[in-house]
Amino acid sequence: MPYFNFDLVIGAEFKCQGGMILENMESAIDKADSLVSELCIVRPELCSTGCAVRVTDGDSNELYRAPVQLIGRG
């Protein structure tokens, strides 16, 4: 099973939020989206600043990026 890393992207800065072994990329995307939902609750100030959660593989290749925004906003 592959290992995925999760980072909070604030501007040009990447803050590691940890990593985990997951079954597949779909599971990593679901986890990133879940992290975004949690961040909107605990850090609502991030929702209007262009922040994102990104998923990278073991070689630091970016695989997915989810913007931190309130549900219903585009």
PDB file of N, CA and C in Angstrom:
ATOM      1  N   MET A   1       0.841  -1.178   0.000  1.00  0.00           N
ATOM      2  CA  MET A   1       0.000   0.000   0.000  1.00  0.00           C
ATOM      3  C   MET A   1       0.887   1.242   0.000  1.00  0.00           C
ATOM      4  N   PRO A   2       0.459   2.284  -0.716  1.00  0.00           N
ATOM      5  CA  PRO A   2       1.291   3.489  -0.822  1.00  0.00           C
ATOM      6  C   PRO A   2       1.200   4.390   0.410  1.00  0.00           C
ATOM      7  N   TYR A   3       2.251   5.179   0.592  1.00  0.00           N
ATOM      8  CA  TYR A   3       2.341   6.147   1.683  1.00  0.00           C
ATOM      9  C   TYR A   3       2.075   7.531   1.103  1.00  0.00           C
ATOM     10  N   PHE A   4       1.195   8.286   1.742  1.00  0.00           N
ATOM     11  CA  PHE A   4       0.845   9.631   1.301  1.00  0.00           C
ATOM     12  C   PHE A   4       1.164  10.635   2.397  1.00  0.00           C
ATOM     13  N   ASN A   5       1.649  11.812   1.989  1.00  0.00           N
ATOM     14  CA  ASN A   5       1.910  12.915   2.908  1.00  0.00           C
ATOM     15  C   ASN A   5       0.845  13.982   2.693  1.00  0.00           C
ATOM     16  N   PHE A   6       0.505  14.697   3.768  1.00  0.00           N
ATOM     17  CA  PHE A   6      -0.501  15.752   3.715  1.00  0.00           C
ATOM     18  C   PHE A   6       0.127  17.037   4.237  1.00  0.00           C
ATOM     19  N   ASP A   7       0.047  18.108   3.437  1.00  0.00           N
ATOM     20  CA  ASP A   7       0.618  19.397   3.802  1.00  0.00           C
ATOM     21  C   ASP A   7      -0.455  20.470   3.777  1.00  0.00           C
ATOM     22  N   LEU A   8      -0.345  21.430   4.691  1.00  0.00           N
ATOM     23  CA  LEU A   8      -1.161  22.628   4.643  1.00  0.00           C
ATOM     24  C   LEU A   8      -0.374  23.648   3.844  1.00  0.00           C
ATOM     25  N   VAL A   9      -0.951  24.140   2.759  1.00  0.00           N
ATOM     26  CA  VAL A   9      -0.294  25.099   1.889  1.00  0.00           C
ATOM     27  C   VAL A   9      -0.808  26.492   2.243  1.00  0.00           C
ATOM     28  N   ILE A  10       0.114  27.341   2.687  1.00  0.00           N
ATOM     29  CA  ILE A  10      -0.212  28.731   2.995  1.00  0.00           C
ATOM     30  C   ILE A  10       0.745  29.583   2.187  1.00  0.00           C
ATOM     31  N   GLY A  11       0.245  30.182   1.119  1.00  0.00           N
ATOM     32  CA  GLY A  11       1.123  30.934   0.216  1.00  0.00           C
ATOM     33  C   GLY A  11       2.121  29.994  -0.431  1.00  0.00           C
ATOM     34  N   ALA A  12       3.412  30.307  -0.265  1.00  0.00           N
ATOM     35  CA  ALA A  12       4.466  29.457  -0.825  1.00  0.00           C
ATOM     36  C   ALA A  12       5.009  28.479   0.211  1.00  0.00           C
ATOM     37  N   GLU A  13       4.394  28.450   1.382  1.00  0.00           N
ATOM     38  CA  GLU A  13       4.873  27.625   2.490  1.00  0.00           C
ATOM     39  C   GLU A  13       4.069  26.324   2.595  1.00  0.00           C
ATOM     40  N   PHE A  14       4.765  25.233   2.844  1.00  0.00           N
ATOM     41  CA  PHE A  14       4.131  23.927   3.020  1.00  0.00           C
ATOM     42  C   PHE A  14       4.378  23.449   4.443  1.00  0.00           C
ATOM     43  N   LYS A  15       3.307  23.289   5.214  1.00  0.00           N
ATOM     44  CA  LYS A  15       3.427  22.827   6.598  1.00  0.00           C
ATOM     45  C   LYS A  15       2.935  21.389   6.671  1.00  0.00           C
ATOM     46  N   CYS A  16       3.844  20.493   6.987  1.00  0.00           N
ATOM     47  CA  CYS A  16       3.523  19.070   7.035  1.00  0.00           C
ATOM     48  C   CYS A  16       2.459  18.804   8.101  1.00  0.00           C
ATOM     49  N   GLN A  17       1.416  18.091   7.705  1.00  0.00           N
ATOM     50  CA  GLN A  17       0.348  17.712   8.619  1.00  0.00           C
ATOM     51  C   GLN A  17       0.398  16.226   8.937  1.00  0.00           C
ATOM     52  N   GLY A  18       1.426  15.556   8.414  1.00  0.00           N
ATOM     53  CA  GLY A  18       1.594  14.135   8.685  1.00  0.00           C
ATOM     54  C   GLY A  18       1.420  13.304   7.438  1.00  0.00           C
ATOM     55  N   GLY A  19       1.528  12.016   7.616  1.00  0.00           N
ATOM     56  CA  GLY A  19       1.400  11.097   6.507  1.00  0.00           C
ATOM     57  C   GLY A  19       0.819   9.788   6.974  1.00  0.00           C
ATOM     58  N   MET A  20       0.377   8.999   6.011  1.00  0.00           N
ATOM     59  CA  MET A  20      -0.193   7.699   6.362  1.00  0.00           C
ATOM     60  C   MET A  20      -0.193   6.765   5.164  1.00  0.00           C
ATOM     61  N   ILE A  21      -0.245   5.505   5.485  1.00  0.00           N
ATOM     62  CA  ILE A  21      -0.378   4.468   4.466  1.00  0.00           C
ATOM     63  C   ILE A  21      -1.870   4.289   4.207  1.00  0.00           C
ATOM     64  N   LEU A  22      -2.248   4.413   2.953  1.00  0.00           N
ATOM     65  CA  LEU A  22      -3.653   4.255   2.568  1.00  0.00           C
ATOM     66  C   LEU A  22      -3.752   3.280   1.405  1.00  0.00           C
ATOM     67  N   GLU A  23      -4.923   2.759   1.213  1.00  0.00           N
ATOM     68  CA  GLU A  23      -5.141   1.737   0.199  1.00  0.00           C
ATOM     69  C   GLU A  23      -4.862   2.232  -1.223  1.00  0.00           C
ATOM     70  N   ASN A  24      -5.296   3.479  -1.519  1.00  0.00           N
ATOM     71  CA  ASN A  24      -5.147   3.981  -2.879  1.00  0.00           C
ATOM     72  C   ASN A  24      -5.291   5.505  -2.902  1.00  0.00           C
ATOM     73  N   MET A  25      -5.168   6.084  -4.078  1.00  0.00           N
ATOM     74  CA  MET A  25      -5.254   7.529  -4.249  1.00  0.00           C
ATOM     75  C   MET A  25      -6.631   8.054  -3.865  1.00  0.00           C
ATOM     76  N   GLU A  26      -7.657   7.313  -4.170  1.00  0.00           N
ATOM     77  CA  GLU A  26      -9.022   7.733  -3.823  1.00  0.00           C
ATOM     78  C   GLU A  26      -9.160   7.927  -2.309  1.00  0.00           C
ATOM     79  N   SER A  27      -8.571   7.046  -1.541  1.00  0.00           N
ATOM     80  CA  SER A  27      -8.598   7.169  -0.079  1.00  0.00           C
ATOM     81  C   SER A  27      -7.829   8.406   0.379  1.00  0.00           C
ATOM     82  N   ALA A  28      -6.725   8.714  -0.289  1.00  0.00           N
ATOM     83  CA  ALA A  28      -5.933   9.900   0.050  1.00  0.00           C
ATOM     84  C   ALA A  28      -6.712  11.177  -0.261  1.00  0.00           C
ATOM     85  N   ILE A  29      -7.431  11.178  -1.376  1.00  0.00           N
ATOM     86  CA  ILE A  29      -8.260  12.333  -1.730  1.00  0.00           C
ATOM     87  C   ILE A  29      -9.367  12.519  -0.696  1.00  0.00           C
ATOM     88  N   ASP A  30     -10.009  11.432  -0.297  1.00  0.00           N
ATOM     89  CA  ASP A  30     -11.054  11.508   0.731  1.00  0.00           C
ATOM     90  C   ASP A  30     -10.491  12.067   2.035  1.00  0.00           C
ATOM     91  N   LYS A  31      -9.296  11.642   2.412  1.00  0.00           N
ATOM     92  CA  LYS A  31      -8.664  12.120   3.644  1.00  0.00           C
ATOM     93  C   LYS A  31      -8.335  13.605   3.533  1.00  0.00           C
ATOM     94  N   ALA A  32      -7.819  14.046   2.399  1.00  0.00           N
ATOM     95  CA  ALA A  32      -7.508  15.463   2.195  1.00  0.00           C
ATOM     96  C   ALA A  32      -8.776  16.309   2.284  1.00  0.00           C
ATOM     97  N   ASP A  33      -9.849  15.851   1.664  1.00  0.00           N
ATOM     98  CA  ASP A  33     -11.118  16.578   1.721  1.00  0.00           C
ATOM     99  C   ASP A  33     -11.647  16.638   3.150  1.00  0.00           C
ATOM    100  N   SER A  34     -11.449  15.564   3.907  1.00  0.00           N
ATOM    101  CA  SER A  34     -11.847  15.536   5.308  1.00  0.00           C
ATOM    102  C   SER A  34     -11.025  16.537   6.130  1.00  0.00           C
ATOM    103  N   LEU A  35      -9.731  16.613   5.849  1.00  0.00           N
ATOM    104  CA  LEU A  35      -8.872  17.584   6.530  1.00  0.00           C
ATOM    105  C   LEU A  35      -9.321  19.012   6.234  1.00  0.00           C
ATOM    106  N   VAL A  36      -9.717  19.281   4.993  1.00  0.00           N
ATOM    107  CA  VAL A  36     -10.221  20.603   4.625  1.00  0.00           C
ATOM    108  C   VAL A  36     -11.464  20.941   5.450  1.00  0.00           C
ATOM    109  N   SER A  37     -12.387  19.988   5.566  1.00  0.00           N
ATOM    110  CA  SER A  37     -13.600  20.218   6.354  1.00  0.00           C
ATOM    111  C   SER A  37     -13.268  20.531   7.803  1.00  0.00           C
ATOM    112  N   GLU A  38     -12.330  19.793   8.371  1.00  0.00           N
ATOM    113  CA  GLU A  38     -11.920  20.030   9.760  1.00  0.00           C
ATOM    114  C   GLU A  38     -11.255  21.391   9.914  1.00  0.00           C
ATOM    115  N   LEU A  39     -10.411  21.770   8.965  1.00  0.00           N
ATOM    116  CA  LEU A  39      -9.751  23.069   9.038  1.00  0.00           C
ATOM    117  C   LEU A  39     -10.746  24.221   8.978  1.00  0.00           C
ATOM    118  N   CYS A  40     -11.796  24.075   8.188  1.00  0.00           N
ATOM    119  CA  CYS A  40     -12.808  25.123   8.096  1.00  0.00           C
ATOM    120  C   CYS A  40     -13.511  25.337   9.433  1.00  0.00           C
ATOM    121  N   ILE A  41     -13.572  24.304  10.247  1.00  0.00           N
ATOM    122  CA  ILE A  41     -14.203  24.409  11.566  1.00  0.00           C
ATOM    123  C   ILE A  41     -13.232  24.982  12.591  1.00  0.00           C
ATOM    124  N   VAL A  42     -12.021  24.438  12.648  1.00  0.00           N
ATOM    125  CA  VAL A  42     -11.082  24.842  13.701  1.00  0.00           C
ATOM    126  C   VAL A  42     -10.234  26.067  13.335  1.00  0.00           C
ATOM    127  N   ARG A  43     -10.081  26.343  12.052  1.00  0.00           N
ATOM    128  CA  ARG A  43      -9.296  27.500  11.602  1.00  0.00           C
ATOM    129  C   ARG A  43     -10.038  28.229  10.480  1.00  0.00           C
ATOM    130  N   PRO A  44     -11.238  28.787  10.772  1.00  0.00           N
ATOM    131  CA  PRO A  44     -12.046  29.410   9.719  1.00  0.00           C
ATOM    132  C   PRO A  44     -11.340  30.556   9.009  1.00  0.00           C
ATOM    133  N   GLU A  45     -10.354  31.165   9.647  1.00  0.00           N
ATOM    134  CA  GLU A  45      -9.628  32.266   9.011  1.00  0.00           C
ATOM    135  C   GLU A  45      -8.858  31.809   7.771  1.00  0.00           C
ATOM    136  N   LEU A  46      -8.584  30.516   7.662  1.00  0.00           N
ATOM    137  CA  LEU A  46      -7.870  29.987   6.491  1.00  0.00           C
ATOM    138  C   LEU A  46      -8.757  29.907   5.253  1.00  0.00           C
ATOM    139  N   CYS A  47     -10.071  29.929   5.450  1.00  0.00           N
ATOM    140  CA  CYS A  47     -11.003  29.747   4.336  1.00  0.00           C
ATOM    141  C   CYS A  47     -10.983  30.893   3.333  1.00  0.00           C
ATOM    142  N   SER A  48     -10.529  32.049   3.726  1.00  0.00           N
ATOM    143  CA  SER A  48     -10.545  33.193   2.818  1.00  0.00           C
ATOM    144  C   SER A  48      -9.138  33.630   2.404  1.00  0.00           C
ATOM    145  N   THR A  49      -8.159  32.777   2.611  1.00  0.00           N
ATOM    146  CA  THR A  49      -6.774  33.185   2.331  1.00  0.00           C
ATOM    147  C   THR A  49      -6.116  32.409   1.196  1.00  0.00           C
ATOM    148  N   GLY A  50      -6.856  31.560   0.513  1.00  0.00           N
ATOM    149  CA  GLY A  50      -6.266  30.797  -0.582  1.00  0.00           C
ATOM    150  C   GLY A  50      -5.433  29.613  -0.147  1.00  0.00           C
ATOM    151  N   CYS A  51      -5.616  29.155   1.081  1.00  0.00           N
ATOM    152  CA  CYS A  51      -4.870  27.993   1.581  1.00  0.00           C
ATOM    153  C   CYS A  51      -5.423  26.707   0.962  1.00  0.00           C
ATOM    154  N   ALA A  52      -4.635  25.642   1.068  1.00  0.00           N
ATOM    155  CA  ALA A  52      -5.051  24.350   0.516  1.00  0.00           C
ATOM    156  C   ALA A  52      -4.393  23.227   1.303  1.00  0.00           C
ATOM    157  N   VAL A  53      -4.940  22.049   1.132  1.00  0.00           N
ATOM    158  CA  VAL A  53      -4.311  20.820   1.627  1.00  0.00           C
ATOM    159  C   VAL A  53      -3.828  20.083   0.388  1.00  0.00           C
ATOM    160  N   ARG A  54      -2.560  19.707   0.389  1.00  0.00           N
ATOM    161  CA  ARG A  54      -2.048  18.962  -0.761  1.00  0.00           C
ATOM    162  C   ARG A  54      -1.628  17.573  -0.314  1.00  0.00           C
ATOM    163  N   VAL A  55      -1.698  16.667  -1.258  1.00  0.00           N
ATOM    164  CA  VAL A  55      -1.287  15.280  -1.042  1.00  0.00           C
ATOM    165  C   VAL A  55      -0.081  15.022  -1.926  1.00  0.00           C
ATOM    166  N   THR A  56       0.961  14.458  -1.328  1.00  0.00           N
ATOM    167  CA  THR A  56       2.145  14.095  -2.102  1.00  0.00           C
ATOM    168  C   THR A  56       2.469  12.622  -1.869  1.00  0.00           C
ATOM    169  N   ASP A  57       3.221  12.070  -2.807  1.00  0.00           N
ATOM    170  CA  ASP A  57       3.643  10.680  -2.656  1.00  0.00           C
ATOM    171  C   ASP A  57       4.985  10.630  -1.937  1.00  0.00           C
ATOM    172  N   GLY A  58       5.550   9.466  -1.822  1.00  0.00           N
ATOM    173  CA  GLY A  58       6.818   9.280  -1.128  1.00  0.00           C
ATOM    174  C   GLY A  58       7.989  10.002  -1.759  1.00  0.00           C
ATOM    175  N   ASP A  59       7.853  10.399  -3.033  1.00  0.00           N
ATOM    176  CA  ASP A  59       8.902  11.132  -3.734  1.00  0.00           C
ATOM    177  C   ASP A  59       8.624  12.633  -3.775  1.00  0.00           C
ATOM    178  N   SER A  60       7.649  13.085  -2.978  1.00  0.00           N
ATOM    179  CA  SER A  60       7.243  14.502  -2.890  1.00  0.00           C
ATOM    180  C   SER A  60       6.589  15.034  -4.158  1.00  0.00           C
ATOM    181  N   ASN A  61       6.042  14.147  -4.986  1.00  0.00           N
ATOM    182  CA  ASN A  61       5.285  14.573  -6.157  1.00  0.00           C
ATOM    183  C   ASN A  61       3.866  14.928  -5.719  1.00  0.00           C
ATOM    184  N   GLU A  62       3.406  16.119  -6.082  1.00  0.00           N
ATOM    185  CA  GLU A  62       2.051  16.517  -5.719  1.00  0.00           C
ATOM    186  C   GLU A  62       1.045  15.731  -6.542  1.00  0.00           C
ATOM    187  N   LEU A  63       0.090  15.113  -5.850  1.00  0.00           N
ATOM    188  CA  LEU A  63      -0.915  14.278  -6.503  1.00  0.00           C
ATOM    189  C   LEU A  63      -2.300  14.900  -6.498  1.00  0.00           C
ATOM    190  N   TYR A  64      -2.555  15.765  -5.509  1.00  0.00           N
ATOM    191  CA  TYR A  64      -3.891  16.341  -5.346  1.00  0.00           C
ATOM    192  C   TYR A  64      -3.767  17.581  -4.482  1.00  0.00           C
ATOM    193  N   ARG A  65      -4.646  18.560  -4.735  1.00  0.00           N
ATOM    194  CA  ARG A  65      -4.698  19.768  -3.920  1.00  0.00           C
ATOM    195  C   ARG A  65      -6.154  20.163  -3.740  1.00  0.00           C
ATOM    196  N   ALA A  66      -6.562  20.344  -2.495  1.00  0.00           N
ATOM    197  CA  ALA A  66      -7.941  20.725  -2.162  1.00  0.00           C
ATOM    198  C   ALA A  66      -7.918  22.098  -1.496  1.00  0.00           C
ATOM    199  N   PRO A  67      -8.600  23.091  -2.080  1.00  0.00           N
ATOM    200  CA  PRO A  67      -8.621  24.413  -1.452  1.00  0.00           C
ATOM    201  C   PRO A  67      -9.376  24.397  -0.142  1.00  0.00           C
ATOM    202  N   VAL A  68      -8.878  25.174   0.820  1.00  0.00           N
ATOM    203  CA  VAL A  68      -9.568  25.299   2.111  1.00  0.00           C
ATOM    204  C   VAL A  68     -10.612  26.391   1.924  1.00  0.00           C
ATOM    205  N   GLN A  69     -11.867  25.961   1.815  1.00  0.00           N
ATOM    206  CA  GLN A  69     -12.964  26.921   1.633  1.00  0.00           C
ATOM    207  C   GLN A  69     -14.217  26.328   2.265  1.00  0.00           C
ATOM    208  N   LEU A  70     -15.093  27.229   2.670  1.00  0.00           N
ATOM    209  CA  LEU A  70     -16.338  26.781   3.277  1.00  0.00           C
ATOM    210  C   LEU A  70     -17.179  26.059   2.240  1.00  0.00           C
ATOM    211  N   ILE A  71     -17.888  25.039   2.661  1.00  0.00           N
ATOM    212  CA  ILE A  71     -18.778  24.307   1.755  1.00  0.00           C
ATOM    213  C   ILE A  71     -19.831  25.259   1.238  1.00  0.00           C
ATOM    214  N   GLY A  72     -20.071  25.184  -0.067  1.00  0.00           N
ATOM    215  CA  GLY A  72     -21.044  26.061  -0.679  1.00  0.00           C
ATOM    216  C   GLY A  72     -20.411  27.291  -1.311  1.00  0.00           C
ATOM    217  N   ARG A  73     -19.115  27.489  -1.065  1.00  0.00           N
ATOM    218  CA  ARG A  73     -18.417  28.609  -1.690  1.00  0.00           C
ATOM    219  C   ARG A  73     -17.643  28.082  -2.878  1.00  0.00           C
ATOM    220  N   GLY A  74     -17.440  28.873  -3.876  1.00  0.00           N
ATOM    221  CA  GLY A  74     -16.746  28.396  -5.037  1.00  0.00           C
ATOM    222  C   GLY A  74     -15.532  29.157  -5.292  1.00  0.00           C
TER     223      GLY A  74
END
